[in-house]
Amino acid sequence: LLFFFLLAWASRNSRFSRSVRFSAQQAILIDIALIFPELIGGSLSGISLSRAVLEPASNFVYYTYMVMVVYSITSNLQGKKPNQIPIISEAAEMALGPY
């Protein structure tokens, strides 16, 4: 929770470069996106689903998360802006504004 607030502060602090603020905002949005599978799983807890459904769904969420993180890290290490994650990158751009 402390790390989440630290990222939120960093993404709004204009003393940091735009690239750092974009990456912080994107990390926040990725963390928020991870809440949705948990909410869906919690709402389906009364329904008995087979392992044939649950395991691939859990794997999909994990692999998607890992691909986003690895893509963001490698883009930053190469000096590129990691702005190719659908929906999340667009939302991070909108949250930062033109400055």
C-alpha atoms as a PDB file:
ATOM      1  CA  LEU A   1       0.000   0.000   0.000  1.00  0.00           C
ATOM      2  CA  LEU A   2       2.877   2.347   0.812  1.00  0.00           C
ATOM      3  CA  PHE A   3       4.495   1.552  -2.550  1.00  0.00           C
ATOM      4  CA  PHE A   4       1.200   2.343  -4.302  1.00  0.00           C
ATOM      5  CA  PHE A   5       1.033   5.786  -2.680  1.00  0.00           C
ATOM      6  CA  LEU A   6       4.693   6.407  -3.449  1.00  0.00           C
ATOM      7  CA  LEU A   7       4.051   5.671  -7.126  1.00  0.00           C
ATOM      8  CA  ALA A   8       0.986   7.933  -7.099  1.00  0.00           C
ATOM      9  CA  TRP A   9       3.065  10.754  -5.621  1.00  0.00           C
ATOM     10  CA  ALA A  10       5.865  10.235  -8.136  1.00  0.00           C
ATOM     11  CA  SER A  11       3.492  10.278 -11.091  1.00  0.00           C
ATOM     12  CA  ARG A  12       2.154  13.696 -10.027  1.00  0.00           C
ATOM     13  CA  ASN A  13       5.470  15.302  -9.049  1.00  0.00           C
ATOM     14  CA  SER A  14       6.660  17.594 -11.842  1.00  0.00           C
ATOM     15  CA  ARG A  15      10.274  17.474 -10.593  1.00  0.00           C
ATOM     16  CA  PHE A  16      10.592  14.016 -12.156  1.00  0.00           C
ATOM     17  CA  SER A  17      10.979  13.620 -15.903  1.00  0.00           C
ATOM     18  CA  ARG A  18       7.922  12.851 -17.979  1.00  0.00           C
ATOM     19  CA  SER A  19       9.268   9.358 -18.687  1.00  0.00           C
ATOM     20  CA  VAL A  20       9.532   8.540 -14.976  1.00  0.00           C
ATOM     21  CA  ARG A  21       6.067   9.943 -14.296  1.00  0.00           C
ATOM     22  CA  PHE A  22       4.632   7.958 -17.232  1.00  0.00           C
ATOM     23  CA  SER A  23       6.201   4.718 -15.983  1.00  0.00           C
ATOM     24  CA  ALA A  24       4.930   5.337 -12.452  1.00  0.00           C
ATOM     25  CA  GLN A  25       1.419   6.057 -13.716  1.00  0.00           C
ATOM     26  CA  GLN A  26       1.523   2.954 -15.903  1.00  0.00           C
ATOM     27  CA  ALA A  27       2.637   0.818 -12.937  1.00  0.00           C
ATOM     28  CA  ILE A  28      -0.309   2.134 -10.918  1.00  0.00           C
ATOM     29  CA  LEU A  29      -2.733   1.306 -13.712  1.00  0.00           C
ATOM     30  CA  ILE A  30      -1.302  -2.200 -14.132  1.00  0.00           C
ATOM     31  CA  ASP A  31      -1.781  -2.770 -10.392  1.00  0.00           C
ATOM     32  CA  ILE A  32      -5.359  -1.539 -10.633  1.00  0.00           C
ATOM     33  CA  ALA A  33      -5.977  -3.793 -13.646  1.00  0.00           C
ATOM     34  CA  LEU A  34      -4.967  -6.781 -11.522  1.00  0.00           C
ATOM     35  CA  ILE A  35      -7.871  -6.057  -9.187  1.00  0.00           C
ATOM     36  CA  PHE A  36     -10.494  -6.946 -11.814  1.00  0.00           C
ATOM     37  CA  PRO A  37      -9.662 -10.665 -12.162  1.00  0.00           C
ATOM     38  CA  GLU A  38      -9.752 -10.908  -8.358  1.00  0.00           C
ATOM     39  CA  LEU A  39     -13.175  -9.244  -8.252  1.00  0.00           C
ATOM     40  CA  ILE A  40     -14.518 -11.547 -10.953  1.00  0.00           C
ATOM     41  CA  GLY A  41     -13.097 -14.592  -9.178  1.00  0.00           C
ATOM     42  CA  GLY A  42     -14.611 -13.447  -5.894  1.00  0.00           C
ATOM     43  CA  SER A  43     -18.027 -12.959  -7.438  1.00  0.00           C
ATOM     44  CA  LEU A  44     -17.881 -16.463  -8.923  1.00  0.00           C
ATOM     45  CA  SER A  45     -16.801 -18.119  -5.667  1.00  0.00           C
ATOM     46  CA  GLY A  46     -20.258 -19.615  -5.084  1.00  0.00           C
ATOM     47  CA  ILE A  47     -20.205 -21.230  -8.516  1.00  0.00           C
ATOM     48  CA  SER A  48     -18.283 -24.465  -8.880  1.00  0.00           C
ATOM     49  CA  LEU A  49     -15.965 -24.141 -11.874  1.00  0.00           C
ATOM     50  CA  SER A  50     -13.785 -26.944 -13.095  1.00  0.00           C
ATOM     51  CA  ARG A  51     -10.011 -26.810 -13.003  1.00  0.00           C
ATOM     52  CA  ALA A  52     -10.096 -26.860 -16.807  1.00  0.00           C
ATOM     53  CA  VAL A  53     -11.490 -23.312 -16.626  1.00  0.00           C
ATOM     54  CA  LEU A  54      -9.733 -21.932 -13.555  1.00  0.00           C
ATOM     55  CA  GLU A  55      -6.144 -22.907 -14.356  1.00  0.00           C
ATOM     56  CA  PRO A  56      -6.016 -21.418 -17.873  1.00  0.00           C
ATOM     57  CA  ALA A  57      -7.699 -18.245 -16.625  1.00  0.00           C
ATOM     58  CA  SER A  58      -5.176 -17.876 -13.796  1.00  0.00           C
ATOM     59  CA  ASN A  59      -2.303 -18.597 -16.161  1.00  0.00           C
ATOM     60  CA  PHE A  60      -3.594 -16.019 -18.637  1.00  0.00           C
ATOM     61  CA  VAL A  61      -3.714 -13.307 -15.970  1.00  0.00           C
ATOM     62  CA  TYR A  62      -0.214 -14.183 -14.739  1.00  0.00           C
ATOM     63  CA  TYR A  63       1.356 -14.335 -18.218  1.00  0.00           C
ATOM     64  CA  THR A  64      -0.331 -11.101 -19.293  1.00  0.00           C
ATOM     65  CA  TYR A  65       0.977  -9.349 -16.196  1.00  0.00           C
ATOM     66  CA  MET A  66       4.501 -10.684 -16.717  1.00  0.00           C
ATOM     67  CA  VAL A  67       4.543  -9.677 -20.392  1.00  0.00           C
ATOM     68  CA  MET A  68       3.482  -6.126 -19.473  1.00  0.00           C
ATOM     69  CA  VAL A  69       6.164  -5.858 -16.785  1.00  0.00           C
ATOM     70  CA  VAL A  70       8.948  -7.325 -18.945  1.00  0.00           C
ATOM     71  CA  TYR A  71       7.934  -5.111 -21.886  1.00  0.00           C
ATOM     72  CA  SER A  72       7.967  -2.002 -19.693  1.00  0.00           C
ATOM     73  CA  ILE A  73      11.345  -2.819 -18.164  1.00  0.00           C
ATOM     74  CA  THR A  74      13.039  -3.658 -21.475  1.00  0.00           C
ATOM     75  CA  SER A  75      11.601  -0.566 -23.163  1.00  0.00           C
ATOM     76  CA  ASN A  76      12.876   1.645 -20.375  1.00  0.00           C
ATOM     77  CA  LEU A  77      16.316   0.002 -20.459  1.00  0.00           C
ATOM     78  CA  GLN A  78      16.488   0.633 -24.212  1.00  0.00           C
ATOM     79  CA  GLY A  79      15.553   4.274 -23.675  1.00  0.00           C
ATOM     80  CA  LYS A  80      12.140   3.895 -25.317  1.00  0.00           C
ATOM     81  CA  LYS A  81       8.821   4.951 -23.880  1.00  0.00           C
ATOM     82  CA  PRO A  82       6.760   1.812 -23.069  1.00  0.00           C
ATOM     83  CA  ASN A  83       3.551   3.135 -24.607  1.00  0.00           C
ATOM     84  CA  GLN A  84       2.326   0.084 -26.506  1.00  0.00           C
ATOM     85  CA  ILE A  85       0.249  -1.591 -23.788  1.00  0.00           C
ATOM     86  CA  PRO A  86      -3.369  -1.326 -24.965  1.00  0.00           C
ATOM     87  CA  ILE A  87      -5.723   0.737 -22.805  1.00  0.00           C
ATOM     88  CA  ILE A  88      -3.196   1.124 -19.961  1.00  0.00           C
ATOM     89  CA  SER A  89      -0.678   3.231 -21.892  1.00  0.00           C
ATOM     90  CA  GLU A  90      -3.452   5.433 -23.261  1.00  0.00           C
ATOM     91  CA  ALA A  91      -4.880   5.940 -19.772  1.00  0.00           C
ATOM     92  CA  ALA A  92      -1.409   6.782 -18.408  1.00  0.00           C
ATOM     93  CA  GLU A  93      -0.950   9.398 -21.150  1.00  0.00           C
ATOM     94  CA  MET A  94      -4.332  10.915 -20.380  1.00  0.00           C
ATOM     95  CA  ALA A  95      -3.589  10.993 -16.640  1.00  0.00           C
ATOM     96  CA  LEU A  96      -0.316  12.863 -17.186  1.00  0.00           C
ATOM     97  CA  GLY A  97      -1.760  15.427 -19.549  1.00  0.00           C
ATOM     98  CA  PRO A  98       0.245  17.421 -22.067  1.00  0.00           C
ATOM     99  CA  TYR A  99       3.002  18.487 -19.647  1.00  0.00           C
END
